[in-house]
C-alpha atoms as a PDB file:
ATOM      1  CA  UNK A   1      15.139  14.924  32.922  1.00  0.00           C
ATOM      2  CA  UNK A   2      12.842  17.025  30.902  1.00  0.00           C
ATOM      3  CA  UNK A   3      13.529  20.602  30.577  1.00  0.00           C
ATOM      4  CA  UNK A   4       9.592  21.293  32.227  1.00  0.00           C
ATOM      5  CA  UNK A   5       9.318  22.425  35.393  1.00  0.00           C
ATOM      6  CA  UNK A   6       6.875  22.923  38.142  1.00  0.00           C
ATOM      7  CA  UNK A   7       5.889  25.980  41.028  1.00  0.00           C
ATOM      8  CA  UNK A   8       2.802  24.351  43.027  1.00  0.00           C
ATOM      9  CA  UNK A   9       0.772  26.239  45.274  1.00  0.00           C
ATOM     10  CA  UNK A  10      -1.437  25.494  48.498  1.00  0.00           C
ATOM     11  CA  UNK A  11      -2.479  22.007  47.099  1.00  0.00           C
ATOM     12  CA  UNK A  12       0.817  20.839  47.028  1.00  0.00           C
ATOM     13  CA  UNK A  13       0.427  17.980  49.376  1.00  0.00           C
ATOM     14  CA  UNK A  14      -2.950  16.848  47.696  1.00  0.00           C
ATOM     15  CA  UNK A  15      -0.914  16.565  44.497  1.00  0.00           C
ATOM     16  CA  UNK A  16       0.900  13.708  45.964  1.00  0.00           C
ATOM     17  CA  UNK A  17       4.056  13.536  43.408  1.00  0.00           C
ATOM     18  CA  UNK A  18       6.664  10.926  44.704  1.00  0.00           C
ATOM     19  CA  UNK A  19       9.980  12.964  45.473  1.00  0.00           C
ATOM     20  CA  UNK A  20      12.900  11.197  44.213  1.00  0.00           C
ATOM     21  CA  UNK A  21      15.373  13.950  45.230  1.00  0.00           C
ATOM     22  CA  UNK A  22      15.691  17.293  47.183  1.00  0.00           C
ATOM     23  CA  UNK A  23      18.412  19.409  47.095  1.00  0.00           C
ATOM     24  CA  UNK A  24      19.237  22.509  48.912  1.00  0.00           C
ATOM     25  CA  UNK A  25      20.051  25.617  46.765  1.00  0.00           C
ATOM     26  CA  UNK A  26      21.251  28.926  46.673  1.00  0.00           C
ATOM     27  CA  UNK A  27      20.441  31.981  44.485  1.00  0.00           C
ATOM     28  CA  UNK A  28      21.853  35.239  44.024  1.00  0.00           C
ATOM     29  CA  UNK A  29      18.234  36.475  45.446  1.00  0.00           C
ATOM     30  CA  UNK A  30      18.330  34.513  48.778  1.00  0.00           C
ATOM     31  CA  UNK A  31      16.786  30.967  49.183  1.00  0.00           C
ATOM     32  CA  UNK A  32      14.029  29.447  47.048  1.00  0.00           C
ATOM     33  CA  UNK A  33      10.740  28.484  49.221  1.00  0.00           C
ATOM     34  CA  UNK A  34      12.199  25.010  49.759  1.00  0.00           C
ATOM     35  CA  UNK A  35      14.252  22.423  48.522  1.00  0.00           C
ATOM     36  CA  UNK A  36      14.404  22.100  44.775  1.00  0.00           C
ATOM     37  CA  UNK A  37      12.765  18.875  44.031  1.00  0.00           C
ATOM     38  CA  UNK A  38      13.072  16.217  41.515  1.00  0.00           C
ATOM     39  CA  UNK A  39       9.199  14.427  41.311  1.00  0.00           C
ATOM     40  CA  UNK A  40       8.011  11.839  39.932  1.00  0.00           C
ATOM     41  CA  UNK A  41       4.889  12.649  37.524  1.00  0.00           C
ATOM     42  CA  UNK A  42       3.722   9.674  35.371  1.00  0.00           C
ATOM     43  CA  UNK A  43       6.747   8.034  35.121  1.00  0.00           C
ATOM     44  CA  UNK A  44       8.682  11.046  33.902  1.00  0.00           C
ATOM     45  CA  UNK A  45      11.167  13.369  36.269  1.00  0.00           C
ATOM     46  CA  UNK A  46      10.516  17.075  36.572  1.00  0.00           C
ATOM     47  CA  UNK A  47      11.925  19.716  38.801  1.00  0.00           C
ATOM     48  CA  UNK A  48       9.435  21.169  41.198  1.00  0.00           C
ATOM     49  CA  UNK A  49       9.259  23.636  43.966  1.00  0.00           C
ATOM     50  CA  UNK A  50       6.360  23.855  46.669  1.00  0.00           C
ATOM     51  CA  UNK A  51       5.749  28.023  46.407  1.00  0.00           C
ATOM     52  CA  UNK A  52       4.888  27.992  50.018  1.00  0.00           C
ATOM     53  CA  UNK A  53       7.443  25.521  51.662  1.00  0.00           C
ATOM     54  CA  UNK A  54       6.579  22.272  52.580  1.00  0.00           C
ATOM     55  CA  UNK A  55       4.663  22.264  54.899  1.00  0.00           C
ATOM     56  CA  UNK A  56       2.603  25.708  53.938  1.00  0.00           C
ATOM     57  CA  UNK A  57       4.400  27.976  56.203  1.00  0.00           C
ATOM     58  CA  UNK A  58       4.910  31.288  53.756  1.00  0.00           C
ATOM     59  CA  UNK A  59       2.364  33.961  52.548  1.00  0.00           C
ATOM     60  CA  UNK A  60       1.945  35.048  49.340  1.00  0.00           C
ATOM     61  CA  UNK A  61       3.840  38.062  49.958  1.00  0.00           C
ATOM     62  CA  UNK A  62       6.649  36.087  51.952  1.00  0.00           C
ATOM     63  CA  UNK A  63       7.019  34.011  48.564  1.00  0.00           C
ATOM     64  CA  UNK A  64      10.807  34.511  47.298  1.00  0.00           C
ATOM     65  CA  UNK A  65       9.416  34.120  43.818  1.00  0.00           C
ATOM     66  CA  UNK A  66      12.598  35.309  42.243  1.00  0.00           C
ATOM     67  CA  UNK A  67      14.737  32.821  44.199  1.00  0.00           C
ATOM     68  CA  UNK A  68      12.314  29.996  42.916  1.00  0.00           C
ATOM     69  CA  UNK A  69      12.222  31.112  39.418  1.00  0.00           C
ATOM     70  CA  UNK A  70      15.756  31.351  39.109  1.00  0.00           C
ATOM     71  CA  UNK A  71      16.738  28.249  40.935  1.00  0.00           C
ATOM     72  CA  UNK A  72      14.352  26.177  38.270  1.00  0.00           C
ATOM     73  CA  UNK A  73      15.872  28.030  35.411  1.00  0.00           C
ATOM     74  CA  UNK A  74      19.603  27.383  36.678  1.00  0.00           C
ATOM     75  CA  UNK A  75      18.344  23.717  37.144  1.00  0.00           C
ATOM     76  CA  UNK A  76      17.793  23.486  33.108  1.00  0.00           C
ATOM     77  CA  UNK A  77      14.100  24.583  33.595  1.00  0.00           C
ATOM     78  CA  UNK A  78      12.757  26.471  30.089  1.00  0.00           C
ATOM     79  CA  UNK A  79       9.214  25.646  30.486  1.00  0.00           C
ATOM     80  CA  UNK A  80       7.536  26.273  33.657  1.00  0.00           C
ATOM     81  CA  UNK A  81       4.075  25.360  34.803  1.00  0.00           C
ATOM     82  CA  UNK A  82       2.597  27.367  38.030  1.00  0.00           C
ATOM     83  CA  UNK A  83      -0.118  25.114  39.667  1.00  0.00           C
ATOM     84  CA  UNK A  84      -2.555  27.479  41.508  1.00  0.00           C
ATOM     85  CA  UNK A  85      -5.299  27.630  43.522  1.00  0.00           C
ATOM     86  CA  UNK A  86      -8.098  30.394  42.526  1.00  0.00           C
ATOM     87  CA  UNK A  87     -11.684  31.685  43.646  1.00  0.00           C
ATOM     88  CA  UNK A  88     -14.097  31.395  41.271  1.00  0.00           C
ATOM     89  CA  UNK A  89     -15.916  35.091  39.937  1.00  0.00           C
ATOM     90  CA  UNK A  90     -17.476  34.369  36.535  1.00  0.00           C
ATOM     91  CA  UNK A  91     -20.635  31.676  37.280  1.00  0.00           C
ATOM     92  CA  UNK A  92     -19.182  29.622  34.588  1.00  0.00           C
ATOM     93  CA  UNK A  93     -16.593  28.683  36.623  1.00  0.00           C
ATOM     94  CA  UNK A  94     -17.646  25.856  38.979  1.00  0.00           C
ATOM     95  CA  UNK A  95     -15.650  24.839  42.241  1.00  0.00           C
ATOM     96  CA  UNK A  96     -13.706  22.228  41.486  1.00  0.00           C
ATOM     97  CA  UNK A  97     -12.955  23.157  37.855  1.00  0.00           C
ATOM     98  CA  UNK A  98      -9.512  23.658  36.117  1.00  0.00           C
ATOM     99  CA  UNK A  99      -8.802  26.475  34.204  1.00  0.00           C
ATOM    100  CA  UNK A 100      -5.820  27.884  31.969  1.00  0.00           C
ATOM    101  CA  UNK A 101      -5.753  31.867  32.247  1.00  0.00           C
ATOM    102  CA  UNK A 102      -4.867  33.605  29.310  1.00  0.00           C
ATOM    103  CA  UNK A 103      -4.675  37.119  31.190  1.00  0.00           C
ATOM    104  CA  UNK A 104      -3.874  38.580  34.767  1.00  0.00           C
ATOM    105  CA  UNK A 105      -4.658  41.843  36.206  1.00  0.00           C
ATOM    106  CA  UNK A 106      -2.100  42.566  39.060  1.00  0.00           C
ATOM    107  CA  UNK A 107      -3.343  43.949  42.201  1.00  0.00           C
ATOM    108  CA  UNK A 108      -0.330  43.376  44.713  1.00  0.00           C
ATOM    109  CA  UNK A 109       2.096  45.745  45.906  1.00  0.00           C
ATOM    110  CA  UNK A 110       5.587  45.655  47.384  1.00  0.00           C
ATOM    111  CA  UNK A 111       6.661  42.286  46.259  1.00  0.00           C
ATOM    112  CA  UNK A 112      10.276  41.856  44.509  1.00  0.00           C
ATOM    113  CA  UNK A 113       9.033  41.880  40.752  1.00  0.00           C
ATOM    114  CA  UNK A 114      12.340  41.701  39.105  1.00  0.00           C
ATOM    115  CA  UNK A 115      15.473  40.711  38.822  1.00  0.00           C
ATOM    116  CA  UNK A 116      16.972  44.212  37.537  1.00  0.00           C
ATOM    117  CA  UNK A 117      17.728  46.998  39.277  1.00  0.00           C
ATOM    118  CA  UNK A 118      19.985  47.609  42.281  1.00  0.00           C
ATOM    119  CA  UNK A 119      23.164  47.703  39.793  1.00  0.00           C
ATOM    120  CA  UNK A 120      21.900  44.980  37.362  1.00  0.00           C
ATOM    121  CA  UNK A 121      20.554  45.284  33.942  1.00  0.00           C
ATOM    122  CA  UNK A 122      16.964  46.788  34.000  1.00  0.00           C
ATOM    123  CA  UNK A 123      14.733  44.460  31.645  1.00  0.00           C
ATOM    124  CA  UNK A 124      11.478  45.799  30.193  1.00  0.00           C
ATOM    125  CA  UNK A 125       9.894  42.889  29.524  1.00  0.00           C
ATOM    126  CA  UNK A 126       7.103  42.791  27.140  1.00  0.00           C
ATOM    127  CA  UNK A 127       4.230  41.293  28.942  1.00  0.00           C
ATOM    128  CA  UNK A 128       1.146  42.029  26.878  1.00  0.00           C
ATOM    129  CA  UNK A 129       0.309  38.436  26.587  1.00  0.00           C
ATOM    130  CA  UNK A 130       1.655  37.014  30.099  1.00  0.00           C
ATOM    131  CA  UNK A 131       1.561  33.324  29.383  1.00  0.00           C
ATOM    132  CA  UNK A 132       3.005  31.203  26.322  1.00  0.00           C
ATOM    133  CA  UNK A 133       0.344  30.308  24.084  1.00  0.00           C
ATOM    134  CA  UNK A 134       2.132  26.983  23.085  1.00  0.00           C
ATOM    135  CA  UNK A 135       2.032  25.874  26.905  1.00  0.00           C
ATOM    136  CA  UNK A 136      -1.475  26.869  27.545  1.00  0.00           C
ATOM    137  CA  UNK A 137      -2.828  24.983  24.087  1.00  0.00           C
ATOM    138  CA  UNK A 138      -0.922  21.896  25.634  1.00  0.00           C
ATOM    139  CA  UNK A 139      -2.783  22.457  29.043  1.00  0.00           C
ATOM    140  CA  UNK A 140      -6.136  23.027  27.446  1.00  0.00           C
ATOM    141  CA  UNK A 141      -5.585  19.734  25.269  1.00  0.00           C
ATOM    142  CA  UNK A 142      -4.380  17.732  28.375  1.00  0.00           C
ATOM    143  CA  UNK A 143      -7.352  18.626  30.506  1.00  0.00           C
ATOM    144  CA  UNK A 144      -9.724  17.757  27.468  1.00  0.00           C
ATOM    145  CA  UNK A 145      -8.164  14.321  27.217  1.00  0.00           C
ATOM    146  CA  UNK A 146      -9.025  13.689  30.968  1.00  0.00           C
ATOM    147  CA  UNK A 147     -12.511  14.197  30.019  1.00  0.00           C
ATOM    148  CA  UNK A 148     -12.756  17.649  31.883  1.00  0.00           C
ATOM    149  CA  UNK A 149     -14.336  21.055  30.710  1.00  0.00           C
ATOM    150  CA  UNK A 150     -11.123  23.607  29.972  1.00  0.00           C
ATOM    151  CA  UNK A 151     -11.630  26.760  31.026  1.00  0.00           C
ATOM    152  CA  UNK A 152      -9.862  30.021  30.346  1.00  0.00           C
ATOM    153  CA  UNK A 153     -10.252  33.430  31.885  1.00  0.00           C
ATOM    154  CA  UNK A 154      -8.563  36.656  33.665  1.00  0.00           C
ATOM    155  CA  UNK A 155      -6.722  35.765  36.874  1.00  0.00           C
ATOM    156  CA  UNK A 156      -6.737  38.753  39.022  1.00  0.00           C
ATOM    157  CA  UNK A 157      -3.673  38.831  41.510  1.00  0.00           C
ATOM    158  CA  UNK A 158      -4.667  39.845  44.956  1.00  0.00           C
ATOM    159  CA  UNK A 159      -1.926  40.755  47.920  1.00  0.00           C
ATOM    160  CA  UNK A 160      -3.580  38.322  50.600  1.00  0.00           C
ATOM    161  CA  UNK A 161      -3.357  36.387  52.843  1.00  0.00           C
ATOM    162  CA  UNK A 162      -6.745  37.326  53.807  1.00  0.00           C
ATOM    163  CA  UNK A 163      -9.437  36.468  51.251  1.00  0.00           C
ATOM    164  CA  UNK A 164     -11.127  39.284  49.465  1.00  0.00           C
ATOM    165  CA  UNK A 165     -13.933  41.469  50.472  1.00  0.00           C
ATOM    166  CA  UNK A 166     -17.509  40.996  48.201  1.00  0.00           C
ATOM    167  CA  UNK A 167     -16.961  44.667  47.048  1.00  0.00           C
ATOM    168  CA  UNK A 168     -13.478  44.170  46.062  1.00  0.00           C
ATOM    169  CA  UNK A 169     -14.488  41.005  44.053  1.00  0.00           C
ATOM    170  CA  UNK A 170     -17.241  43.245  42.391  1.00  0.00           C
ATOM    171  CA  UNK A 171     -14.293  45.591  41.563  1.00  0.00           C
ATOM    172  CA  UNK A 172     -12.119  42.553  40.062  1.00  0.00           C
ATOM    173  CA  UNK A 173     -15.358  41.308  38.528  1.00  0.00           C
ATOM    174  CA  UNK A 174     -15.789  45.164  36.450  1.00  0.00           C
ATOM    175  CA  UNK A 175     -12.132  44.866  35.666  1.00  0.00           C
ATOM    176  CA  UNK A 176     -12.518  42.013  33.814  1.00  0.00           C
ATOM    177  CA  UNK A 177     -11.483  39.375  36.289  1.00  0.00           C
ATOM    178  CA  UNK A 178     -12.864  35.490  36.301  1.00  0.00           C
ATOM    179  CA  UNK A 179     -10.896  34.300  38.776  1.00  0.00           C
ATOM    180  CA  UNK A 180      -8.704  35.328  41.621  1.00  0.00           C
ATOM    181  CA  UNK A 181      -5.838  34.227  43.571  1.00  0.00           C
ATOM    182  CA  UNK A 182      -2.657  35.626  45.257  1.00  0.00           C
ATOM    183  CA  UNK A 183       0.545  34.158  43.416  1.00  0.00           C
ATOM    184  CA  UNK A 184       0.423  34.568  40.091  1.00  0.00           C
ATOM    185  CA  UNK A 185       2.530  37.835  40.182  1.00  0.00           C
ATOM    186  CA  UNK A 186       5.551  38.176  40.282  1.00  0.00           C
ATOM    187  CA  UNK A 187       5.885  34.714  38.860  1.00  0.00           C
ATOM    188  CA  UNK A 188       4.901  35.461  35.661  1.00  0.00           C
ATOM    189  CA  UNK A 189       6.911  38.397  35.197  1.00  0.00           C
ATOM    190  CA  UNK A 190       9.815  36.892  36.405  1.00  0.00           C
ATOM    191  CA  UNK A 191       9.677  33.883  34.369  1.00  0.00           C
ATOM    192  CA  UNK A 192       9.093  36.185  31.431  1.00  0.00           C
ATOM    193  CA  UNK A 193      12.338  38.043  32.172  1.00  0.00           C
ATOM    194  CA  UNK A 194      14.297  35.005  32.026  1.00  0.00           C
ATOM    195  CA  UNK A 195      13.051  34.111  28.815  1.00  0.00           C
ATOM    196  CA  UNK A 196      11.227  31.109  29.969  1.00  0.00           C
ATOM    197  CA  UNK A 197       7.811  29.781  28.281  1.00  0.00           C
ATOM    198  CA  UNK A 198       5.304  29.704  31.418  1.00  0.00           C
ATOM    199  CA  UNK A 199       1.708  29.206  31.986  1.00  0.00           C
ATOM    200  CA  UNK A 200      -0.782  28.044  34.643  1.00  0.00           C
ATOM    201  CA  UNK A 201      -3.082  25.350  35.379  1.00  0.00           C
ATOM    202  CA  UNK A 202      -5.509  26.778  38.569  1.00  0.00           C
ATOM    203  CA  UNK A 203      -7.819  24.927  40.087  1.00  0.00           C
ATOM    204  CA  UNK A 204     -11.017  26.676  41.754  1.00  0.00           C
ATOM    205  CA  UNK A 205     -11.764  25.380  44.917  1.00  0.00           C
ATOM    206  CA  UNK A 206     -14.475  28.235  45.840  1.00  0.00           C
ATOM    207  CA  UNK A 207     -16.888  30.785  44.902  1.00  0.00           C
ATOM    208  CA  UNK A 208     -15.380  34.117  45.842  1.00  0.00           C
ATOM    209  CA  UNK A 209     -16.495  36.608  48.408  1.00  0.00           C
ATOM    210  CA  UNK A 210     -20.643  37.641  47.603  1.00  0.00           C
ATOM    211  CA  UNK A 211     -21.033  34.631  45.499  1.00  0.00           C
ATOM    212  CA  UNK A 212     -21.101  31.815  48.184  1.00  0.00           C
ATOM    213  CA  UNK A 213     -24.687  30.502  47.270  1.00  0.00           C
ATOM    214  CA  UNK A 214     -25.325  29.935  50.881  1.00  0.00           C
ATOM    215  CA  UNK A 215     -21.856  27.930  51.469  1.00  0.00           C
ATOM    216  CA  UNK A 216     -19.041  29.375  53.583  1.00  0.00           C
ATOM    217  CA  UNK A 217     -15.878  29.594  51.386  1.00  0.00           C
ATOM    218  CA  UNK A 218     -13.653  27.538  53.876  1.00  0.00           C
ATOM    219  CA  UNK A 219     -16.140  24.961  53.958  1.00  0.00           C
ATOM    220  CA  UNK A 220     -16.138  25.120  49.762  1.00  0.00           C
ATOM    221  CA  UNK A 221     -12.284  24.695  49.956  1.00  0.00           C
ATOM    222  CA  UNK A 222     -12.438  22.184  52.150  1.00  0.00           C
ATOM    223  CA  UNK A 223     -14.880  20.097  49.810  1.00  0.00           C
ATOM    224  CA  UNK A 224     -13.107  20.959  46.656  1.00  0.00           C
ATOM    225  CA  UNK A 225      -9.411  21.133  46.890  1.00  0.00           C
ATOM    226  CA  UNK A 226      -8.370  17.346  47.393  1.00  0.00           C
ATOM    227  CA  UNK A 227     -10.306  16.355  44.383  1.00  0.00           C
ATOM    228  CA  UNK A 228      -9.292  19.074  42.182  1.00  0.00           C
ATOM    229  CA  UNK A 229      -5.559  18.552  42.722  1.00  0.00           C
ATOM    230  CA  UNK A 230      -5.949  15.114  41.507  1.00  0.00           C
ATOM    231  CA  UNK A 231      -7.356  16.110  38.889  1.00  0.00           C
ATOM    232  CA  UNK A 232      -4.554  18.664  38.183  1.00  0.00           C
ATOM    233  CA  UNK A 233      -2.156  15.606  38.430  1.00  0.00           C
ATOM    234  CA  UNK A 234      -3.892  13.290  35.949  1.00  0.00           C
ATOM    235  CA  UNK A 235      -3.735  16.669  33.729  1.00  0.00           C
ATOM    236  CA  UNK A 236       0.192  17.145  34.322  1.00  0.00           C
ATOM    237  CA  UNK A 237       0.890  13.294  33.785  1.00  0.00           C
ATOM    238  CA  UNK A 238      -0.926  13.592  30.119  1.00  0.00           C
ATOM    239  CA  UNK A 239       0.952  17.161  29.658  1.00  0.00           C
ATOM    240  CA  UNK A 240       4.299  16.200  30.699  1.00  0.00           C
ATOM    241  CA  UNK A 241       3.954  12.611  28.760  1.00  0.00           C
ATOM    242  CA  UNK A 242       3.074  15.198  25.645  1.00  0.00           C
ATOM    243  CA  UNK A 243       5.876  16.974  25.942  1.00  0.00           C
ATOM    244  CA  UNK A 244       8.397  13.867  26.271  1.00  0.00           C
ATOM    245  CA  UNK A 245       6.842  12.746  23.176  1.00  0.00           C
ATOM    246  CA  UNK A 246       7.766  16.167  21.303  1.00  0.00           C
ATOM    247  CA  UNK A 247       4.104  17.240  20.941  1.00  0.00           C
ATOM    248  CA  UNK A 248       4.976  20.590  22.413  1.00  0.00           C
END
């Protein structure tokens, strides 16, 4: 078993990874979103959690991010990749394309964002670079190896579950965000607290509010989600193969 792990968001069902094992686990922070899965990705077995449960039942603010990250860490995961569905803010990011963000801005509130406190040691994690550079570079390489365009960018993390207003998207763009989603935080910060290498491969499935170009957002999502997740699966297969070959 590789030390790579996956946390997969809204497109989990479309990723269609065969499940070799399901294990119910407990953590000091409660139950994860669902069973700890061992999935087959390109002939290699990888630990995986469906972020929103399966079927999709947990809103972004209801996800037990601490339990998810803790369970994977306890299972031996040391390099963690999040698979996230996002809306495209910048014009250059087309629906259906993949991006590997290098930065994020957190607009969420009320989520349990640390393993410390409550009698546990407080960790002031260095978070200037929220995503691991080595994992990011390897994901970019895997995307290009699949013949796809590899985007970077800044992930704006909103509270959800509602989508954003056009004015909110304008604000995010002024802040420097190039994509918007709801689940990168506190997942990224929790991974950092545990010393995990962490990066995200995001699939853009729609243009954000105010940028729809005449096509309703949910119609865009319906059009692009399945194909986008198939691209993600191809990328993950190459990425994991490279990791197993010692290229990371």
